[in-house]
Amino acid sequence: MAIRAFIFDLDGVLTDTAEHHYRAWKQLADEEGIPFTRQDNEALRGVSRQESLNLLLKGRRISPQQAQEWMDRKNRYYLERIRQITPQELLPGAREILGELRAAGLKIAIASASRNAAQVVNRLELRPQIDVLVDGNSVERTKPAPDLFLLAARLLGEAPENCVVVEDAAAGIAAARAAGMRCIGLGPVEQVGAADLVLPGLEGVRLRELLERLS
């Protein structure tokens, strides 16, 4: 099938807010006396806030009310950090590939599990370069469920088989697969090896090359 649309994850693909997330979770964990390392943080990539909290807790039980307070507190810490984001924090190659897609007439969506994706997109000044944004507020089930990507395709007016997902997390690769979409994985093979095409990042990547390698 023809490729008519690209759907990008946000964190780790177009910009790197992973450090902001890590420091916010780390602040919460330190306050609550829970060990939390950068290695622990890797498991949180691409998953929802609730699932991230579950992973941080490592089986520790807290009440639903306490869980909500902890998630809200982590989110406050994160929001304080992302207020400083500027367009200069787009990852290398991101602006160039978005420009090529726009020039080629292909549709572009961002699909992020983050509930704060809209704020990050606005601070990066990406709104004019995309057609659709869906985030953790848009669906009940986030990655690895396919719902975010399927909603993005529906809003773009494209069939799943005509869409290519660009992801950096195993949960996102699984979601793309479940949605019936082709997928480009950015990062190490052990993390994104289930993708149709694995690249170290977007720097130096050209649309023509992507289309040829995906065909």
C-alpha atoms as a PDB file:
ATOM      1  CA  MET A   1       0.000   0.000   0.000  1.00  0.00           C
ATOM      2  CA  ALA A   2       1.105   3.559  -0.619  1.00  0.00           C
ATOM      3  CA  ILE A   3       2.553   5.590   2.238  1.00  0.00           C
ATOM      4  CA  ARG A   4       0.431   8.705   2.729  1.00  0.00           C
ATOM      5  CA  ALA A   5       1.053   9.711   6.341  1.00  0.00           C
ATOM      6  CA  PHE A   6       3.700   9.689   9.061  1.00  0.00           C
ATOM      7  CA  ILE A   7       2.790   9.526  12.744  1.00  0.00           C
ATOM      8  CA  PHE A   8       5.517  10.618  15.146  1.00  0.00           C
ATOM      9  CA  ASP A   9       5.923   9.948  18.808  1.00  0.00           C
ATOM     10  CA  LEU A  10       7.083  13.122  20.558  1.00  0.00           C
ATOM     11  CA  ASP A  11       9.409  12.370  23.462  1.00  0.00           C
ATOM     12  CA  GLY A  12      12.660  10.867  22.247  1.00  0.00           C
ATOM     13  CA  VAL A  13      11.711  11.267  18.582  1.00  0.00           C
ATOM     14  CA  LEU A  14      11.165  14.964  17.864  1.00  0.00           C
ATOM     15  CA  THR A  15      12.474  16.322  21.165  1.00  0.00           C
ATOM     16  CA  ASP A  16      13.994  14.813  24.270  1.00  0.00           C
ATOM     17  CA  THR A  17      11.905  15.496  27.332  1.00  0.00           C
ATOM     18  CA  ALA A  18      13.003  12.190  28.863  1.00  0.00           C
ATOM     19  CA  GLU A  19      15.422  14.010  31.158  1.00  0.00           C
ATOM     20  CA  HIS A  20      12.620  16.262  32.410  1.00  0.00           C
ATOM     21  CA  HIS A  21      10.437  13.211  33.061  1.00  0.00           C
ATOM     22  CA  TYR A  22      13.268  11.411  34.823  1.00  0.00           C
ATOM     23  CA  ARG A  23      14.051  14.318  37.113  1.00  0.00           C
ATOM     24  CA  ALA A  24      10.369  14.795  37.971  1.00  0.00           C
ATOM     25  CA  TRP A  25       9.884  11.099  38.822  1.00  0.00           C
ATOM     26  CA  LYS A  26      13.208  11.094  40.674  1.00  0.00           C
ATOM     27  CA  GLN A  27      12.131  14.067  42.796  1.00  0.00           C
ATOM     28  CA  LEU A  28       8.892  12.289  43.704  1.00  0.00           C
ATOM     29  CA  ALA A  29      10.666   8.998  44.416  1.00  0.00           C
ATOM     30  CA  ASP A  30      13.255  10.692  46.640  1.00  0.00           C
ATOM     31  CA  GLU A  31      10.518  12.449  48.593  1.00  0.00           C
ATOM     32  CA  GLU A  32       8.741   9.133  49.167  1.00  0.00           C
ATOM     33  CA  GLY A  33      11.874   7.092  49.902  1.00  0.00           C
ATOM     34  CA  ILE A  34      11.593   4.901  46.808  1.00  0.00           C
ATOM     35  CA  PRO A  35      14.814   3.883  45.010  1.00  0.00           C
ATOM     36  CA  PHE A  36      14.665   5.100  41.404  1.00  0.00           C
ATOM     37  CA  THR A  37      17.556   5.064  38.934  1.00  0.00           C
ATOM     38  CA  ARG A  38      18.082   6.104  35.331  1.00  0.00           C
ATOM     39  CA  GLN A  39      17.892   2.417  34.434  1.00  0.00           C
ATOM     40  CA  ASP A  40      14.490   2.199  36.149  1.00  0.00           C
ATOM     41  CA  ASN A  41      13.417   5.233  34.116  1.00  0.00           C
ATOM     42  CA  GLU A  42      14.073   3.428  30.816  1.00  0.00           C
ATOM     43  CA  ALA A  43      11.069   1.171  31.489  1.00  0.00           C
ATOM     44  CA  LEU A  44       8.844   4.264  31.662  1.00  0.00           C
ATOM     45  CA  ARG A  45       9.478   5.301  28.050  1.00  0.00           C
ATOM     46  CA  GLY A  46       6.311   5.516  25.979  1.00  0.00           C
ATOM     47  CA  VAL A  47       3.859   4.400  28.669  1.00  0.00           C
ATOM     48  CA  SER A  48       1.098   6.294  30.455  1.00  0.00           C
ATOM     49  CA  ARG A  49       1.462   8.233  33.689  1.00  0.00           C
ATOM     50  CA  GLN A  50      -0.534   5.599  35.599  1.00  0.00           C
ATOM     51  CA  GLU A  51       1.576   2.739  34.276  1.00  0.00           C
ATOM     52  CA  SER A  52       4.747   4.751  34.974  1.00  0.00           C
ATOM     53  CA  LEU A  53       3.666   5.116  38.588  1.00  0.00           C
ATOM     54  CA  ASN A  54       2.947   1.378  38.791  1.00  0.00           C
ATOM     55  CA  LEU A  55       6.453   0.639  37.534  1.00  0.00           C
ATOM     56  CA  LEU A  56       7.984   3.115  39.974  1.00  0.00           C
ATOM     57  CA  LEU A  57       6.114   1.522  42.890  1.00  0.00           C
ATOM     58  CA  LYS A  58       7.515  -1.963  42.072  1.00  0.00           C
ATOM     59  CA  GLY A  59       4.624  -3.699  43.799  1.00  0.00           C
ATOM     60  CA  ARG A  60       4.296  -1.260  46.679  1.00  0.00           C
ATOM     61  CA  ARG A  61       0.627  -0.637  47.494  1.00  0.00           C
ATOM     62  CA  ILE A  62      -0.873   2.824  47.899  1.00  0.00           C
ATOM     63  CA  SER A  63      -4.474   4.002  47.860  1.00  0.00           C
ATOM     64  CA  PRO A  64      -6.088   5.333  44.663  1.00  0.00           C
ATOM     65  CA  GLN A  65      -6.264   8.768  46.280  1.00  0.00           C
ATOM     66  CA  GLN A  66      -2.570   8.678  47.144  1.00  0.00           C
ATOM     67  CA  ALA A  67      -1.711   7.451  43.651  1.00  0.00           C
ATOM     68  CA  GLN A  68      -3.565  10.396  42.127  1.00  0.00           C
ATOM     69  CA  GLU A  69      -1.786  12.842  44.447  1.00  0.00           C
ATOM     70  CA  TRP A  70       1.585  11.379  43.522  1.00  0.00           C
ATOM     71  CA  MET A  71       0.839  11.569  39.797  1.00  0.00           C
ATOM     72  CA  ASP A  72      -0.369  15.155  40.163  1.00  0.00           C
ATOM     73  CA  ARG A  73       2.757  16.062  42.110  1.00  0.00           C
ATOM     74  CA  LYS A  74       5.052  14.472  39.532  1.00  0.00           C
ATOM     75  CA  ASN A  75       3.178  16.332  36.802  1.00  0.00           C
ATOM     76  CA  ARG A  76       3.685  19.657  38.587  1.00  0.00           C
ATOM     77  CA  TYR A  77       7.408  19.008  38.787  1.00  0.00           C
ATOM     78  CA  TYR A  78       7.460  18.116  35.079  1.00  0.00           C
ATOM     79  CA  LEU A  79       5.445  21.170  34.020  1.00  0.00           C
ATOM     80  CA  GLU A  80       7.830  23.428  35.913  1.00  0.00           C
ATOM     81  CA  ARG A  81      10.669  22.007  33.826  1.00  0.00           C
ATOM     82  CA  ILE A  82       9.059  22.076  30.381  1.00  0.00           C
ATOM     83  CA  ARG A  83       8.156  25.761  30.671  1.00  0.00           C
ATOM     84  CA  GLN A  84      11.738  26.392  29.615  1.00  0.00           C
ATOM     85  CA  ILE A  85      11.547  24.362  26.370  1.00  0.00           C
ATOM     86  CA  THR A  86      12.272  26.276  23.136  1.00  0.00           C
ATOM     87  CA  PRO A  87      12.258  25.347  19.426  1.00  0.00           C
ATOM     88  CA  GLN A  88      16.024  24.887  19.721  1.00  0.00           C
ATOM     89  CA  GLU A  89      15.306  21.671  21.623  1.00  0.00           C
ATOM     90  CA  LEU A  90      14.048  19.812  18.567  1.00  0.00           C
ATOM     91  CA  LEU A  91      16.290  16.804  18.046  1.00  0.00           C
ATOM     92  CA  PRO A  92      18.746  16.854  15.107  1.00  0.00           C
ATOM     93  CA  GLY A  93      17.001  16.083  11.827  1.00  0.00           C
ATOM     94  CA  ALA A  94      13.461  16.553  13.174  1.00  0.00           C
ATOM     95  CA  ARG A  95      12.787  19.917  11.553  1.00  0.00           C
ATOM     96  CA  GLU A  96      14.283  18.769   8.248  1.00  0.00           C
ATOM     97  CA  ILE A  97      12.221  15.578   7.917  1.00  0.00           C
ATOM     98  CA  LEU A  98       9.010  17.381   8.871  1.00  0.00           C
ATOM     99  CA  GLY A  99       9.755  19.951   6.179  1.00  0.00           C
ATOM    100  CA  GLU A 100      10.343  17.251   3.580  1.00  0.00           C
ATOM    101  CA  LEU A 101       7.105  15.508   4.472  1.00  0.00           C
ATOM    102  CA  ARG A 102       5.166  18.761   4.227  1.00  0.00           C
ATOM    103  CA  ALA A 103       6.784  19.618   0.866  1.00  0.00           C
ATOM    104  CA  ALA A 104       5.925  16.143  -0.447  1.00  0.00           C
ATOM    105  CA  GLY A 105       2.256  16.556   0.494  1.00  0.00           C
ATOM    106  CA  LEU A 106       2.287  13.724   3.030  1.00  0.00           C
ATOM    107  CA  LYS A 107       0.164  14.040   6.159  1.00  0.00           C
ATOM    108  CA  ILE A 108       1.779  14.402   9.581  1.00  0.00           C
ATOM    109  CA  ALA A 109       0.525  13.546  13.055  1.00  0.00           C
ATOM    110  CA  ILE A 110       2.053  13.483  16.504  1.00  0.00           C
ATOM    111  CA  ALA A 111       0.778  10.721  18.791  1.00  0.00           C
ATOM    112  CA  SER A 112       2.151  10.866  22.320  1.00  0.00           C
ATOM    113  CA  ALA A 113       1.118   9.044  25.471  1.00  0.00           C
ATOM    114  CA  SER A 114       1.939  12.217  27.418  1.00  0.00           C
ATOM    115  CA  ARG A 115      -0.981  14.280  28.666  1.00  0.00           C
ATOM    116  CA  ASN A 116       1.257  17.349  28.359  1.00  0.00           C
ATOM    117  CA  ALA A 117       2.126  16.844  24.691  1.00  0.00           C
ATOM    118  CA  ALA A 118       0.156  19.878  23.529  1.00  0.00           C
ATOM    119  CA  GLN A 119       2.187  22.190  25.738  1.00  0.00           C
ATOM    120  CA  VAL A 120       5.471  20.744  24.491  1.00  0.00           C
ATOM    121  CA  VAL A 121       4.323  20.957  20.842  1.00  0.00           C
ATOM    122  CA  ASN A 122       3.326  24.584  21.342  1.00  0.00           C
ATOM    123  CA  ARG A 123       6.632  25.498  22.969  1.00  0.00           C
ATOM    124  CA  LEU A 124       8.500  23.796  20.111  1.00  0.00           C
ATOM    125  CA  GLU A 125       6.327  25.803  17.664  1.00  0.00           C
ATOM    126  CA  LEU A 126       5.385  22.648  15.745  1.00  0.00           C
ATOM    127  CA  ARG A 127       1.666  23.292  15.268  1.00  0.00           C
ATOM    128  CA  PRO A 128       2.051  24.745  11.731  1.00  0.00           C
ATOM    129  CA  GLN A 129       4.051  21.694  10.662  1.00  0.00           C
ATOM    130  CA  ILE A 130       1.554  19.002  11.666  1.00  0.00           C
ATOM    131  CA  ASP A 131      -2.014  18.114  10.754  1.00  0.00           C
ATOM    132  CA  VAL A 132      -3.098  16.219  13.879  1.00  0.00           C
ATOM    133  CA  LEU A 133      -2.067  15.904  17.527  1.00  0.00           C
ATOM    134  CA  VAL A 134      -3.359  13.127  19.765  1.00  0.00           C
ATOM    135  CA  ASP A 135      -2.132  12.543  23.298  1.00  0.00           C
ATOM    136  CA  GLY A 136      -2.841  10.770  26.565  1.00  0.00           C
ATOM    137  CA  ASN A 137      -6.026  12.802  26.937  1.00  0.00           C
ATOM    138  CA  SER A 138      -7.393  11.549  23.615  1.00  0.00           C
ATOM    139  CA  VAL A 139      -7.948   7.846  24.372  1.00  0.00           C
ATOM    140  CA  GLU A 140      -8.576   5.609  27.351  1.00  0.00           C
ATOM    141  CA  ARG A 141      -5.892   3.081  26.441  1.00  0.00           C
ATOM    142  CA  THR A 142      -2.433   4.336  25.536  1.00  0.00           C
ATOM    143  CA  LYS A 143       0.576   2.455  24.200  1.00  0.00           C
ATOM    144  CA  PRO A 144       1.150  -0.480  23.839  1.00  0.00           C
ATOM    145  CA  ALA A 145      -2.545  -0.484  22.866  1.00  0.00           C
ATOM    146  CA  PRO A 146      -2.985   0.749  19.271  1.00  0.00           C
ATOM    147  CA  ASP A 147      -5.695   3.311  20.097  1.00  0.00           C
ATOM    148  CA  LEU A 148      -3.549   6.469  19.819  1.00  0.00           C
ATOM    149  CA  PHE A 149      -2.228   5.540  16.402  1.00  0.00           C
ATOM    150  CA  LEU A 150      -5.603   4.386  15.118  1.00  0.00           C
ATOM    151  CA  LEU A 151      -7.185   7.657  16.254  1.00  0.00           C
ATOM    152  CA  ALA A 152      -4.411   9.645  14.560  1.00  0.00           C
ATOM    153  CA  ALA A 153      -4.965   7.745  11.306  1.00  0.00           C
ATOM    154  CA  ARG A 154      -8.720   8.303  11.508  1.00  0.00           C
ATOM    155  CA  LEU A 155      -8.282  12.034  12.065  1.00  0.00           C
ATOM    156  CA  LEU A 156      -5.835  12.173   9.173  1.00  0.00           C
ATOM    157  CA  GLY A 157      -8.374  10.372   6.997  1.00  0.00           C
ATOM    158  CA  GLU A 158      -5.975   7.545   6.182  1.00  0.00           C
ATOM    159  CA  ALA A 159      -6.138   3.770   6.484  1.00  0.00           C
ATOM    160  CA  PRO A 160      -3.663   2.257   8.982  1.00  0.00           C
ATOM    161  CA  GLU A 161      -1.781   0.453   6.215  1.00  0.00           C
ATOM    162  CA  ASN A 162      -1.008   3.813   4.616  1.00  0.00           C
ATOM    163  CA  CYS A 163       0.620   5.175   7.780  1.00  0.00           C
ATOM    164  CA  VAL A 164       4.176   4.941   9.075  1.00  0.00           C
ATOM    165  CA  VAL A 165       4.879   5.350  12.782  1.00  0.00           C
ATOM    166  CA  VAL A 166       8.178   6.776  14.063  1.00  0.00           C
ATOM    167  CA  GLU A 167       8.905   5.624  17.624  1.00  0.00           C
ATOM    168  CA  ASP A 168      11.732   5.219  20.124  1.00  0.00           C
ATOM    169  CA  ALA A 169      10.057   2.926  22.679  1.00  0.00           C
ATOM    170  CA  ALA A 170       9.193  -0.758  22.681  1.00  0.00           C
ATOM    171  CA  ALA A 171       5.643   0.066  23.817  1.00  0.00           C
ATOM    172  CA  GLY A 172       5.232   2.363  20.802  1.00  0.00           C
ATOM    173  CA  ILE A 173       6.565  -0.250  18.395  1.00  0.00           C
ATOM    174  CA  ALA A 174       4.081  -2.761  19.817  1.00  0.00           C
ATOM    175  CA  ALA A 175       1.261  -0.237  19.433  1.00  0.00           C
ATOM    176  CA  ALA A 176       2.181   0.431  15.804  1.00  0.00           C
ATOM    177  CA  ARG A 177       2.268  -3.291  15.081  1.00  0.00           C
ATOM    178  CA  ALA A 178      -1.111  -3.772  16.745  1.00  0.00           C
ATOM    179  CA  ALA A 179      -2.496  -0.910  14.628  1.00  0.00           C
ATOM    180  CA  GLY A 180      -1.366  -2.592  11.415  1.00  0.00           C
ATOM    181  CA  MET A 181       1.077   0.199  10.545  1.00  0.00           C
ATOM    182  CA  ARG A 182       4.633   0.139   9.329  1.00  0.00           C
ATOM    183  CA  CYS A 183       7.101   1.394  11.889  1.00  0.00           C
ATOM    184  CA  ILE A 184      10.489   3.094  12.080  1.00  0.00           C
ATOM    185  CA  GLY A 185      12.322   2.551  15.356  1.00  0.00           C
ATOM    186  CA  LEU A 186      14.835   5.113  16.575  1.00  0.00           C
ATOM    187  CA  GLY A 187      17.465   3.840  18.968  1.00  0.00           C
ATOM    188  CA  PRO A 188      19.244   0.603  19.874  1.00  0.00           C
ATOM    189  CA  VAL A 189      18.098  -2.659  18.298  1.00  0.00           C
ATOM    190  CA  GLU A 190      17.463  -4.217  21.706  1.00  0.00           C
ATOM    191  CA  GLN A 191      14.904  -1.485  22.329  1.00  0.00           C
ATOM    192  CA  VAL A 192      13.236  -1.009  18.930  1.00  0.00           C
ATOM    193  CA  GLY A 193      14.322  -4.096  16.992  1.00  0.00           C
ATOM    194  CA  ALA A 194      10.727  -5.138  16.294  1.00  0.00           C
ATOM    195  CA  ALA A 195      10.310  -2.159  13.939  1.00  0.00           C
ATOM    196  CA  ASP A 196      10.359  -2.531  10.141  1.00  0.00           C
ATOM    197  CA  LEU A 197      13.331  -0.164   9.961  1.00  0.00           C
ATOM    198  CA  VAL A 198      15.761   0.743  12.754  1.00  0.00           C
ATOM    199  CA  LEU A 199      17.754   3.987  12.690  1.00  0.00           C
ATOM    200  CA  PRO A 200      19.937   5.674  15.318  1.00  0.00           C
ATOM    201  CA  GLY A 201      17.944   8.911  14.975  1.00  0.00           C
ATOM    202  CA  LEU A 202      16.562  11.373  12.441  1.00  0.00           C
ATOM    203  CA  GLU A 203      19.773  13.315  11.836  1.00  0.00           C
ATOM    204  CA  GLY A 204      20.756  13.087   8.177  1.00  0.00           C
ATOM    205  CA  VAL A 205      17.649  11.048   7.296  1.00  0.00           C
ATOM    206  CA  ARG A 206      15.916  11.938   4.041  1.00  0.00           C
ATOM    207  CA  LEU A 207      12.363  11.121   3.014  1.00  0.00           C
ATOM    208  CA  ARG A 208      13.352   9.498  -0.261  1.00  0.00           C
ATOM    209  CA  GLU A 209      15.617   7.088   1.601  1.00  0.00           C
ATOM    210  CA  LEU A 210      12.875   6.207   4.087  1.00  0.00           C
ATOM    211  CA  LEU A 211      10.318   5.510   1.377  1.00  0.00           C
ATOM    212  CA  GLU A 212      12.759   3.332  -0.538  1.00  0.00           C
ATOM    213  CA  ARG A 213      13.705   1.288   2.521  1.00  0.00           C
ATOM    214  CA  LEU A 214      10.089   0.851   3.621  1.00  0.00           C
ATOM    215  CA  SER A 215       8.791  -0.183   0.204  1.00  0.00           C
END
